[in-house]
Structures are given as C-alpha cells and as structure tokens.
N, C-alpha and C. Protein backbone atom coordinates (compact mmCIF):
# COMPACT_ATOMS: atom_id res chain seq x y z
N MET A 1 125.13 100.06 46.26
CA MET A 1 125.40 99.72 44.87
C MET A 1 126.59 100.54 44.39
N SER A 2 127.75 99.99 44.52
CA SER A 2 128.94 100.72 44.09
C SER A 2 129.62 99.94 42.98
N ALA A 3 129.10 100.08 41.78
CA ALA A 3 129.64 99.31 40.66
C ALA A 3 130.19 100.20 39.55
N HIS A 4 130.36 101.47 39.82
CA HIS A 4 130.90 102.38 38.82
C HIS A 4 132.18 103.01 39.36
N SER A 5 133.09 103.28 38.46
CA SER A 5 134.35 103.91 38.86
C SER A 5 134.30 105.43 38.75
N ASP A 6 133.18 105.96 38.26
CA ASP A 6 132.99 107.41 38.16
C ASP A 6 131.54 107.71 38.57
N CYS A 7 131.18 108.97 38.58
CA CYS A 7 129.86 109.34 39.10
C CYS A 7 128.72 108.82 38.22
N ILE A 8 127.63 108.44 38.88
CA ILE A 8 126.40 108.06 38.20
C ILE A 8 125.62 109.34 37.96
N VAL A 9 125.23 109.55 36.70
CA VAL A 9 124.53 110.79 36.37
C VAL A 9 123.09 110.56 35.91
N SER A 10 122.70 109.30 35.75
CA SER A 10 121.33 109.01 35.33
C SER A 10 120.92 107.63 35.84
N LEU A 11 119.64 107.52 36.20
CA LEU A 11 119.09 106.22 36.54
C LEU A 11 117.63 106.19 36.14
N ASP A 12 117.13 104.98 35.91
CA ASP A 12 115.73 104.82 35.55
C ASP A 12 115.25 103.46 36.03
N VAL A 13 113.97 103.39 36.34
CA VAL A 13 113.30 102.17 36.77
C VAL A 13 112.18 101.90 35.76
N PRO A 14 112.05 100.67 35.26
CA PRO A 14 110.97 100.38 34.31
C PRO A 14 109.59 100.63 34.93
N PHE A 15 108.68 101.09 34.13
CA PHE A 15 107.34 101.44 34.58
C PHE A 15 106.62 100.28 35.25
N TYR A 16 106.72 99.07 34.68
CA TYR A 16 105.99 97.92 35.19
C TYR A 16 106.83 96.97 36.03
N ASP A 17 108.10 97.30 36.29
CA ASP A 17 108.96 96.36 37.01
C ASP A 17 109.94 97.12 37.89
N SER A 18 109.57 97.33 39.13
CA SER A 18 110.45 98.07 40.04
C SER A 18 111.52 97.18 40.67
N SER A 19 111.66 95.95 40.18
CA SER A 19 112.67 95.06 40.74
C SER A 19 114.06 95.31 40.16
N ILE A 20 114.14 96.12 39.11
CA ILE A 20 115.44 96.45 38.52
C ILE A 20 115.55 97.95 38.30
N LEU A 21 116.77 98.41 38.17
CA LEU A 21 117.01 99.79 37.76
C LEU A 21 118.27 99.83 36.93
N ALA A 22 118.34 100.84 36.06
CA ALA A 22 119.51 101.03 35.20
C ALA A 22 120.23 102.30 35.63
N THR A 23 121.56 102.27 35.56
CA THR A 23 122.36 103.46 35.85
C THR A 23 123.29 103.73 34.68
N GLY A 24 123.57 105.00 34.48
CA GLY A 24 124.55 105.43 33.49
C GLY A 24 125.59 106.27 34.18
N SER A 25 126.84 106.09 33.81
CA SER A 25 127.93 106.75 34.52
C SER A 25 128.93 107.35 33.54
N TYR A 26 129.69 108.30 34.05
CA TYR A 26 130.77 108.89 33.27
C TYR A 26 131.88 107.88 32.98
N ASP A 27 131.85 106.71 33.62
CA ASP A 27 132.85 105.69 33.32
C ASP A 27 132.54 104.95 32.01
N GLY A 28 131.42 105.32 31.34
CA GLY A 28 131.05 104.71 30.07
C GLY A 28 130.27 103.42 30.20
N LEU A 29 129.90 103.05 31.41
CA LEU A 29 129.17 101.80 31.64
C LEU A 29 127.70 102.05 31.95
N ILE A 30 126.89 101.10 31.52
CA ILE A 30 125.48 101.06 31.87
C ILE A 30 125.31 99.79 32.69
N ARG A 31 124.74 99.93 33.86
CA ARG A 31 124.57 98.76 34.74
C ARG A 31 123.09 98.58 35.06
N ILE A 32 122.69 97.30 35.13
CA ILE A 32 121.34 96.92 35.53
C ILE A 32 121.47 96.27 36.91
N PHE A 33 120.71 96.80 37.88
CA PHE A 33 120.78 96.32 39.26
C PHE A 33 119.47 95.68 39.70
N ASP A 34 119.58 94.73 40.60
CA ASP A 34 118.44 94.16 41.31
C ASP A 34 118.16 95.10 42.48
N THR A 35 116.98 95.69 42.54
CA THR A 35 116.68 96.67 43.59
C THR A 35 116.49 96.03 44.96
N SER A 36 116.20 94.74 45.01
CA SER A 36 115.97 94.12 46.32
C SER A 36 117.26 93.88 47.10
N ASN A 37 118.36 93.62 46.38
CA ASN A 37 119.60 93.32 47.09
C ASN A 37 120.79 94.17 46.63
N GLY A 38 120.62 94.98 45.60
CA GLY A 38 121.70 95.85 45.13
C GLY A 38 122.71 95.19 44.24
N ASN A 39 122.50 93.91 43.90
CA ASN A 39 123.46 93.21 43.05
C ASN A 39 123.38 93.70 41.61
N CYS A 40 124.53 93.78 40.98
CA CYS A 40 124.60 94.13 39.56
C CYS A 40 124.26 92.89 38.75
N LEU A 41 123.19 92.97 37.94
CA LEU A 41 122.75 91.85 37.14
C LEU A 41 123.42 91.81 35.78
N LYS A 42 123.72 93.00 35.24
CA LYS A 42 124.28 93.06 33.89
C LYS A 42 125.04 94.36 33.73
N THR A 43 126.12 94.30 32.98
CA THR A 43 126.89 95.49 32.62
C THR A 43 126.92 95.60 31.11
N LEU A 44 126.53 96.76 30.62
CA LEU A 44 126.60 97.03 29.18
C LEU A 44 127.73 98.01 28.95
N THR A 45 128.60 97.68 28.03
CA THR A 45 129.71 98.56 27.71
C THR A 45 129.33 99.36 26.48
N TYR A 46 129.33 100.65 26.63
CA TYR A 46 128.94 101.51 25.52
C TYR A 46 129.95 101.36 24.41
N ASP A 47 129.51 100.79 23.30
CA ASP A 47 130.45 100.51 22.22
C ASP A 47 130.91 101.79 21.53
N LYS A 48 132.06 101.69 20.94
CA LYS A 48 132.68 102.85 20.30
C LYS A 48 132.62 102.70 18.79
N ASP A 49 131.58 102.02 18.29
CA ASP A 49 131.54 101.62 16.89
C ASP A 49 131.54 102.78 15.90
N TRP A 50 130.97 103.90 16.26
CA TRP A 50 130.91 104.96 15.25
C TRP A 50 131.97 106.03 15.49
N ALA A 51 132.61 106.05 16.65
CA ALA A 51 133.62 107.07 16.93
C ALA A 51 135.00 106.66 16.42
N ASN A 52 135.34 105.38 16.55
CA ASN A 52 136.61 104.85 16.09
C ASN A 52 137.83 105.57 16.64
N ASP A 53 137.72 106.15 17.80
CA ASP A 53 138.89 106.83 18.37
C ASP A 53 139.31 106.18 19.69
N GLY A 54 138.63 105.13 20.11
CA GLY A 54 139.02 104.39 21.30
C GLY A 54 138.72 105.09 22.62
N GLN A 55 138.04 106.21 22.58
CA GLN A 55 137.75 106.96 23.79
C GLN A 55 136.49 106.44 24.48
N ILE A 56 136.48 106.54 25.81
CA ILE A 56 135.28 106.20 26.58
C ILE A 56 134.24 107.29 26.35
N ARG A 57 133.02 106.88 26.18
CA ARG A 57 131.90 107.81 26.01
C ARG A 57 131.12 107.85 27.32
N PRO A 58 131.27 108.91 28.10
CA PRO A 58 130.49 109.01 29.34
C PRO A 58 128.99 108.93 29.06
N ILE A 59 128.27 108.21 29.90
CA ILE A 59 126.82 108.06 29.75
C ILE A 59 126.13 109.16 30.54
N VAL A 60 125.15 109.82 29.90
CA VAL A 60 124.47 110.92 30.57
C VAL A 60 122.97 110.70 30.76
N LYS A 61 122.36 109.76 30.03
CA LYS A 61 120.93 109.47 30.20
C LYS A 61 120.67 107.99 29.95
N VAL A 62 119.80 107.42 30.78
CA VAL A 62 119.27 106.08 30.54
C VAL A 62 117.75 106.15 30.72
N LYS A 63 117.01 105.43 29.88
CA LYS A 63 115.55 105.46 29.95
C LYS A 63 114.99 104.15 29.44
N PHE A 64 114.24 103.43 30.29
CA PHE A 64 113.59 102.18 29.90
C PHE A 64 112.38 102.46 29.01
N SER A 65 112.12 101.52 28.08
CA SER A 65 110.87 101.57 27.32
C SER A 65 109.74 101.21 28.27
N ILE A 66 108.52 101.53 27.89
CA ILE A 66 107.38 101.29 28.78
C ILE A 66 107.20 99.80 29.07
N ASN A 67 107.56 98.94 28.12
CA ASN A 67 107.44 97.50 28.37
C ASN A 67 108.65 96.92 29.10
N GLY A 68 109.66 97.74 29.35
CA GLY A 68 110.82 97.31 30.10
C GLY A 68 111.79 96.43 29.34
N LYS A 69 111.59 96.26 28.04
CA LYS A 69 112.45 95.36 27.26
C LYS A 69 113.66 96.08 26.65
N TYR A 70 113.58 97.39 26.52
CA TYR A 70 114.64 98.14 25.87
C TYR A 70 115.10 99.29 26.76
N LEU A 71 116.31 99.75 26.47
CA LEU A 71 116.89 100.84 27.23
C LEU A 71 117.49 101.85 26.27
N LEU A 72 117.02 103.09 26.34
CA LEU A 72 117.62 104.19 25.59
C LEU A 72 118.80 104.71 26.38
N VAL A 73 119.91 104.94 25.71
CA VAL A 73 121.11 105.42 26.38
C VAL A 73 121.71 106.54 25.55
N LYS A 74 122.04 107.63 26.22
CA LYS A 74 122.65 108.77 25.55
C LYS A 74 124.03 109.01 26.16
N SER A 75 124.99 109.23 25.27
CA SER A 75 126.35 109.50 25.73
C SER A 75 126.64 110.99 25.63
N LEU A 76 127.73 111.39 26.24
CA LEU A 76 128.10 112.80 26.32
C LEU A 76 128.30 113.43 24.95
N ASP A 77 128.62 112.63 23.94
CA ASP A 77 128.81 113.16 22.60
C ASP A 77 127.49 113.34 21.84
N GLY A 78 126.36 113.05 22.49
CA GLY A 78 125.05 113.27 21.89
C GLY A 78 124.48 112.09 21.13
N VAL A 79 125.20 110.98 21.04
CA VAL A 79 124.71 109.80 20.34
C VAL A 79 123.73 109.06 21.24
N VAL A 80 122.60 108.64 20.66
CA VAL A 80 121.58 107.89 21.39
C VAL A 80 121.54 106.48 20.82
N LYS A 81 121.56 105.50 21.71
CA LYS A 81 121.48 104.10 21.30
C LYS A 81 120.33 103.42 22.01
N LEU A 82 119.63 102.57 21.27
CA LEU A 82 118.56 101.75 21.81
C LEU A 82 119.12 100.35 22.01
N TRP A 83 119.13 99.92 23.27
CA TRP A 83 119.69 98.62 23.64
C TRP A 83 118.59 97.61 23.90
N ASP A 84 118.77 96.39 23.42
CA ASP A 84 118.06 95.24 23.95
C ASP A 84 118.97 94.77 25.08
N TYR A 85 118.72 95.26 26.28
CA TYR A 85 119.67 95.04 27.36
C TYR A 85 119.71 93.58 27.83
N LEU A 86 118.63 92.83 27.60
CA LEU A 86 118.64 91.42 27.98
C LEU A 86 119.64 90.63 27.13
N LEU A 87 119.71 90.99 25.84
CA LEU A 87 120.67 90.34 24.95
C LEU A 87 122.02 91.04 24.96
N GLY A 88 122.07 92.25 25.55
CA GLY A 88 123.32 92.98 25.64
C GLY A 88 123.82 93.54 24.33
N ARG A 89 122.87 93.98 23.46
CA ARG A 89 123.30 94.50 22.17
C ARG A 89 122.50 95.75 21.78
N VAL A 90 123.14 96.59 21.00
CA VAL A 90 122.50 97.79 20.47
C VAL A 90 121.68 97.40 19.26
N VAL A 91 120.41 97.84 19.22
CA VAL A 91 119.54 97.52 18.07
C VAL A 91 119.33 98.73 17.15
N ARG A 92 119.52 99.94 17.65
CA ARG A 92 119.41 101.15 16.83
C ARG A 92 120.35 102.22 17.38
N THR A 93 120.87 103.02 16.48
CA THR A 93 121.69 104.16 16.86
C THR A 93 121.11 105.40 16.20
N PHE A 94 120.94 106.46 16.98
CA PHE A 94 120.40 107.72 16.49
C PHE A 94 121.42 108.81 16.74
N HIS A 95 121.83 109.49 15.69
CA HIS A 95 122.72 110.63 15.85
C HIS A 95 122.67 111.48 14.59
N ASP A 96 122.99 112.72 14.75
CA ASP A 96 123.03 113.66 13.65
C ASP A 96 124.50 113.86 13.30
N GLU A 97 124.93 113.29 12.19
CA GLU A 97 126.34 113.36 11.82
C GLU A 97 126.81 114.79 11.64
N ASP A 98 125.91 115.69 11.24
CA ASP A 98 126.28 117.10 11.09
C ASP A 98 126.56 117.76 12.43
N LYS A 99 126.00 117.22 13.50
CA LYS A 99 126.16 117.81 14.83
C LYS A 99 127.06 116.97 15.72
N GLN A 100 127.80 116.03 15.15
CA GLN A 100 128.55 115.06 15.94
C GLN A 100 129.62 115.69 16.82
N GLN A 101 130.05 116.90 16.57
CA GLN A 101 131.10 117.50 17.37
C GLN A 101 130.58 118.16 18.65
N GLN A 102 129.29 118.06 18.92
CA GLN A 102 128.75 118.62 20.16
C GLN A 102 129.44 118.01 21.36
N ILE A 103 129.62 118.80 22.39
CA ILE A 103 130.16 118.28 23.63
C ILE A 103 129.26 118.73 24.77
N ASN A 104 129.44 118.12 25.91
CA ASN A 104 128.70 118.48 27.11
C ASN A 104 127.19 118.33 26.94
N ASN A 105 126.77 117.22 26.37
CA ASN A 105 125.35 116.95 26.20
C ASN A 105 124.71 116.41 27.48
N ASP A 106 125.38 116.62 28.63
CA ASP A 106 124.81 116.12 29.87
C ASP A 106 123.55 116.88 30.26
N LEU A 107 123.36 118.06 29.75
CA LEU A 107 122.17 118.85 30.08
C LEU A 107 121.15 118.78 28.95
N THR A 108 120.80 117.58 28.54
CA THR A 108 119.79 117.41 27.50
C THR A 108 118.87 116.27 27.89
N GLY A 109 117.73 116.20 27.23
CA GLY A 109 116.73 115.22 27.60
C GLY A 109 116.58 114.09 26.61
N LEU A 110 115.87 113.05 27.06
CA LEU A 110 115.68 111.85 26.27
C LEU A 110 114.44 111.12 26.79
N ASP A 111 113.59 110.66 25.88
CA ASP A 111 112.40 109.92 26.30
C ASP A 111 111.84 109.15 25.12
N PHE A 112 110.93 108.23 25.41
CA PHE A 112 110.17 107.52 24.39
C PHE A 112 108.85 108.23 24.18
N LEU A 113 108.32 108.14 22.96
CA LEU A 113 107.00 108.64 22.61
C LEU A 113 106.27 107.49 21.92
N TYR A 114 105.06 107.19 22.38
CA TYR A 114 104.30 106.08 21.84
C TYR A 114 103.04 106.61 21.17
N ASN A 115 102.71 106.06 20.01
CA ASN A 115 101.49 106.43 19.33
C ASN A 115 100.36 105.64 19.97
N LYS A 116 99.44 106.34 20.63
CA LYS A 116 98.36 105.64 21.33
C LYS A 116 97.38 104.97 20.37
N ASN A 117 97.41 105.34 19.08
CA ASN A 117 96.53 104.72 18.08
C ASN A 117 97.16 103.49 17.42
N ASP A 118 98.47 103.35 17.54
CA ASP A 118 99.17 102.22 16.93
C ASP A 118 100.36 101.86 17.80
N GLU A 119 100.23 100.77 18.56
CA GLU A 119 101.27 100.40 19.53
C GLU A 119 102.60 100.05 18.90
N LYS A 120 102.63 99.78 17.59
CA LYS A 120 103.89 99.48 16.91
C LYS A 120 104.68 100.73 16.56
N GLU A 121 104.06 101.89 16.62
CA GLU A 121 104.75 103.13 16.31
C GLU A 121 105.37 103.70 17.59
N VAL A 122 106.69 103.65 17.65
CA VAL A 122 107.45 104.14 18.80
C VAL A 122 108.48 105.13 18.29
N TYR A 123 108.68 106.18 19.06
CA TYR A 123 109.59 107.25 18.66
C TYR A 123 110.55 107.56 19.81
N VAL A 124 111.70 108.12 19.44
CA VAL A 124 112.67 108.60 20.40
C VAL A 124 112.62 110.12 20.36
N VAL A 125 112.46 110.73 21.52
CA VAL A 125 112.49 112.19 21.66
C VAL A 125 113.82 112.56 22.28
N ASN A 126 114.56 113.42 21.59
CA ASN A 126 115.89 113.80 22.04
C ASN A 126 116.02 115.32 21.99
N SER A 127 116.57 115.88 23.03
CA SER A 127 116.88 117.31 22.99
C SER A 127 118.39 117.47 22.93
N THR A 128 118.83 118.53 22.32
CA THR A 128 120.25 118.71 22.09
C THR A 128 120.78 119.95 22.80
N GLN A 129 122.08 119.98 22.93
CA GLN A 129 122.74 121.09 23.62
C GLN A 129 122.49 122.42 22.92
N ASP A 130 122.33 122.40 21.61
CA ASP A 130 122.12 123.64 20.89
C ASP A 130 120.64 124.05 20.81
N GLY A 131 119.80 123.45 21.67
CA GLY A 131 118.40 123.89 21.81
C GLY A 131 117.42 123.30 20.83
N ARG A 132 117.76 122.18 20.20
CA ARG A 132 116.85 121.56 19.25
C ARG A 132 116.10 120.40 19.90
N LEU A 133 114.91 120.15 19.38
CA LEU A 133 114.12 118.99 19.77
C LEU A 133 114.03 118.10 18.54
N GLU A 134 114.42 116.83 18.71
CA GLU A 134 114.42 115.87 17.61
C GLU A 134 113.49 114.71 17.96
N ILE A 135 112.80 114.19 16.93
CA ILE A 135 111.99 112.99 17.11
C ILE A 135 112.36 112.02 15.99
N PHE A 136 112.76 110.80 16.40
CA PHE A 136 113.15 109.75 15.47
C PHE A 136 112.15 108.61 15.53
N ASN A 137 111.85 107.99 14.37
CA ASN A 137 111.08 106.77 14.32
C ASN A 137 112.00 105.62 14.70
N VAL A 138 111.60 104.80 15.67
CA VAL A 138 112.46 103.72 16.14
C VAL A 138 112.68 102.66 15.06
N LEU A 139 111.64 102.33 14.29
CA LEU A 139 111.76 101.25 13.31
C LEU A 139 112.73 101.56 12.18
N ASN A 140 112.62 102.76 11.60
CA ASN A 140 113.46 103.05 10.44
C ASN A 140 114.52 104.14 10.69
N LYS A 141 114.63 104.65 11.91
CA LYS A 141 115.59 105.67 12.33
C LYS A 141 115.40 107.02 11.62
N GLU A 142 114.29 107.18 10.91
CA GLU A 142 114.02 108.44 10.21
C GLU A 142 113.77 109.56 11.21
N LYS A 143 114.40 110.71 10.96
CA LYS A 143 114.17 111.88 11.80
C LYS A 143 112.90 112.56 11.29
N LEU A 144 111.86 112.58 12.13
CA LEU A 144 110.57 113.12 11.74
C LEU A 144 110.40 114.58 12.14
N PHE A 145 111.16 115.01 13.12
CA PHE A 145 111.00 116.36 13.64
C PHE A 145 112.37 116.85 14.08
N ASP A 146 112.70 118.06 13.72
CA ASP A 146 113.96 118.67 14.14
C ASP A 146 113.74 120.18 14.12
N GLU A 147 113.56 120.74 15.31
CA GLU A 147 113.26 122.16 15.38
C GLU A 147 114.03 122.80 16.53
N LYS A 148 114.59 123.94 16.26
CA LYS A 148 115.28 124.70 17.31
C LYS A 148 114.21 125.41 18.14
N ILE A 149 114.14 125.07 19.42
CA ILE A 149 113.10 125.66 20.26
C ILE A 149 113.68 126.60 21.31
N CYS A 150 115.00 126.65 21.42
CA CYS A 150 115.67 127.60 22.30
C CYS A 150 116.64 128.41 21.46
N SER A 151 116.62 129.71 21.63
CA SER A 151 117.37 130.59 20.73
C SER A 151 118.86 130.68 21.02
N ASN A 152 119.28 130.37 22.25
CA ASN A 152 120.71 130.45 22.54
C ASN A 152 121.12 129.34 23.50
N VAL A 153 122.42 129.11 23.59
CA VAL A 153 122.94 128.03 24.42
C VAL A 153 122.59 128.23 25.89
N ASP A 154 122.50 129.48 26.33
CA ASP A 154 122.17 129.75 27.72
C ASP A 154 120.78 129.27 28.11
N SER A 155 119.92 129.06 27.12
CA SER A 155 118.57 128.59 27.43
C SER A 155 118.32 127.21 26.82
N SER A 156 119.37 126.43 26.61
CA SER A 156 119.22 125.12 25.99
C SER A 156 118.34 124.20 26.84
N ILE A 157 117.81 123.17 26.22
CA ILE A 157 116.89 122.23 26.86
C ILE A 157 117.69 121.32 27.79
N ILE A 158 117.27 121.24 29.05
CA ILE A 158 117.98 120.38 29.99
C ILE A 158 117.24 119.07 30.26
N ASP A 159 115.95 119.01 29.92
CA ASP A 159 115.24 117.75 30.09
C ASP A 159 113.97 117.76 29.26
N VAL A 160 113.50 116.56 28.90
CA VAL A 160 112.22 116.39 28.22
C VAL A 160 111.46 115.28 28.92
N GLN A 161 110.15 115.40 28.91
CA GLN A 161 109.27 114.39 29.49
C GLN A 161 108.06 114.26 28.60
N VAL A 162 107.75 113.05 28.18
CA VAL A 162 106.57 112.79 27.37
C VAL A 162 105.44 112.37 28.30
N MET A 163 104.29 112.99 28.14
CA MET A 163 103.12 112.68 28.97
C MET A 163 101.93 112.37 28.07
N ASN A 164 101.14 111.39 28.45
CA ASN A 164 99.89 111.04 27.77
C ASN A 164 100.09 110.71 26.29
N ASN A 165 101.30 110.31 25.91
CA ASN A 165 101.63 109.91 24.54
C ASN A 165 101.39 110.96 23.48
N ASP A 166 101.18 112.22 23.87
CA ASP A 166 101.03 113.25 22.84
C ASP A 166 101.58 114.61 23.25
N LYS A 167 102.06 114.73 24.46
CA LYS A 167 102.60 116.00 24.94
C LYS A 167 104.06 115.85 25.32
N ILE A 168 104.89 116.75 24.82
CA ILE A 168 106.31 116.75 25.15
C ILE A 168 106.59 118.03 25.92
N TYR A 169 106.98 117.86 27.17
CA TYR A 169 107.35 118.99 28.01
C TYR A 169 108.87 119.14 27.96
N CYS A 170 109.32 120.33 27.63
CA CYS A 170 110.76 120.62 27.56
C CYS A 170 111.08 121.67 28.62
N LEU A 171 112.08 121.41 29.41
CA LEU A 171 112.52 122.35 30.43
C LEU A 171 113.85 122.93 29.98
N ASN A 172 113.93 124.28 29.93
CA ASN A 172 115.20 124.87 29.52
C ASN A 172 115.98 125.37 30.74
N LYS A 173 117.21 125.82 30.50
CA LYS A 173 118.09 126.24 31.58
C LYS A 173 117.57 127.47 32.33
N GLU A 174 116.64 128.17 31.73
CA GLU A 174 116.04 129.34 32.38
C GLU A 174 114.81 128.96 33.19
N ASN A 175 114.59 127.65 33.40
CA ASN A 175 113.43 127.11 34.12
C ASN A 175 112.10 127.45 33.49
N LYS A 176 112.07 127.51 32.17
CA LYS A 176 110.83 127.72 31.43
C LYS A 176 110.42 126.40 30.82
N LEU A 177 109.13 126.10 30.90
CA LEU A 177 108.58 124.91 30.28
C LEU A 177 108.06 125.26 28.89
N ILE A 178 108.39 124.44 27.93
CA ILE A 178 107.91 124.60 26.57
C ILE A 178 107.09 123.33 26.29
N LEU A 179 105.88 123.48 25.82
CA LEU A 179 104.99 122.34 25.57
C LEU A 179 104.79 122.16 24.07
N TYR A 180 104.99 120.93 23.62
CA TYR A 180 104.67 120.55 22.25
C TYR A 180 103.62 119.47 22.32
N THR A 181 102.61 119.58 21.46
CA THR A 181 101.59 118.55 21.33
C THR A 181 101.82 117.84 20.01
N VAL A 182 101.91 116.52 20.08
CA VAL A 182 102.18 115.71 18.90
C VAL A 182 100.88 115.15 18.37
N THR A 183 100.69 115.20 17.07
CA THR A 183 99.52 114.58 16.45
C THR A 183 100.01 113.52 15.46
N PHE A 184 99.34 112.39 15.47
CA PHE A 184 99.72 111.30 14.57
C PHE A 184 98.74 111.21 13.43
C-alpha cells in the first residue's frame, strides 16, 4: 500500500470491520484501504478551511468510531475533525482557538468516549502538546473537560486510550500512566 508521498504516522482499523483501514500521513492525506488487496478505496484531503494560509496540514492521528461510520482525524496543528468518510466531508471541527499556535502535536492522543447509559452521547477525547486533556461533546462541540494533567512539556501526553466507556488512560513522555474515570 504505497499511496502517500510522505510517511504514514497513524493507522486504524474499525472495531467491527477489519476489511478496511485508514491511514494518516504527513502529506496531509487520509486514505481508506481495502485490507484484502491493498487498494485505496478513498482519499480524503484535509481541508484548510480554518487556517486560510494554503499550507498542507500533516495528519498525525486517525481513529474510527466504534460503528465504523466516522473517522476522527488530528492534524499537526492540533485541530481535530470528525469525518463522515463515506460521504467525504467533515461534520465537526474541534479546536481551541486560544491554543491554535501549537506545533508538533504528533505526540498527542485522540479517541472516542461513549456514554454506556445513552448511546447518543458521544465525546471526543483529545490530549494536547502542553499536557492538557480535553473532552468535547460531538453533537454540540461543547468542551466539557479541559484540565492540565502534565506539569511540563517534557512530560506531555503522548497517547490516550478509552476503555470500558468510562476510563481514560493517558501515557506521558515519561512512560507514566495517568487514569481518569469519567462519570455521566
């Protein structure tokens, strides 16, 4: 599968459908591949709608929703977009305008969080280069949680993983796990 002009830095396979996978690359493209034959099924071009400077936004994270219908994508500038990848369009954009000048967000995490008591409540969990953990409501884009959990850049969060729909595991650069339990 050689469909990118720069390095692939993230990939994900939907939970219920291992016949496809998504890749994100520093070339600014998101590609959906057929895993049985390696063919590229779809290419999503990361739009530059909020930057307005014409620059390519390298992709650093891709993550399928549990139902496989949506794809979370994070670019190097820290902006997170929720794609309906079948239609090839962005349905939500999450970013903190006050923090928009961040760079090198390649060492940050991204995941979905689902409310096990209400399947319509879906959240985006995002970690930032400056050591913050953010949680956004997917429906209204409201930021519900924003807390600095790492005290300095040297220990910033490099990945997040949501487990059992109520636990957020954060791994920092010092290889320490930080656990948050979410209550709805």
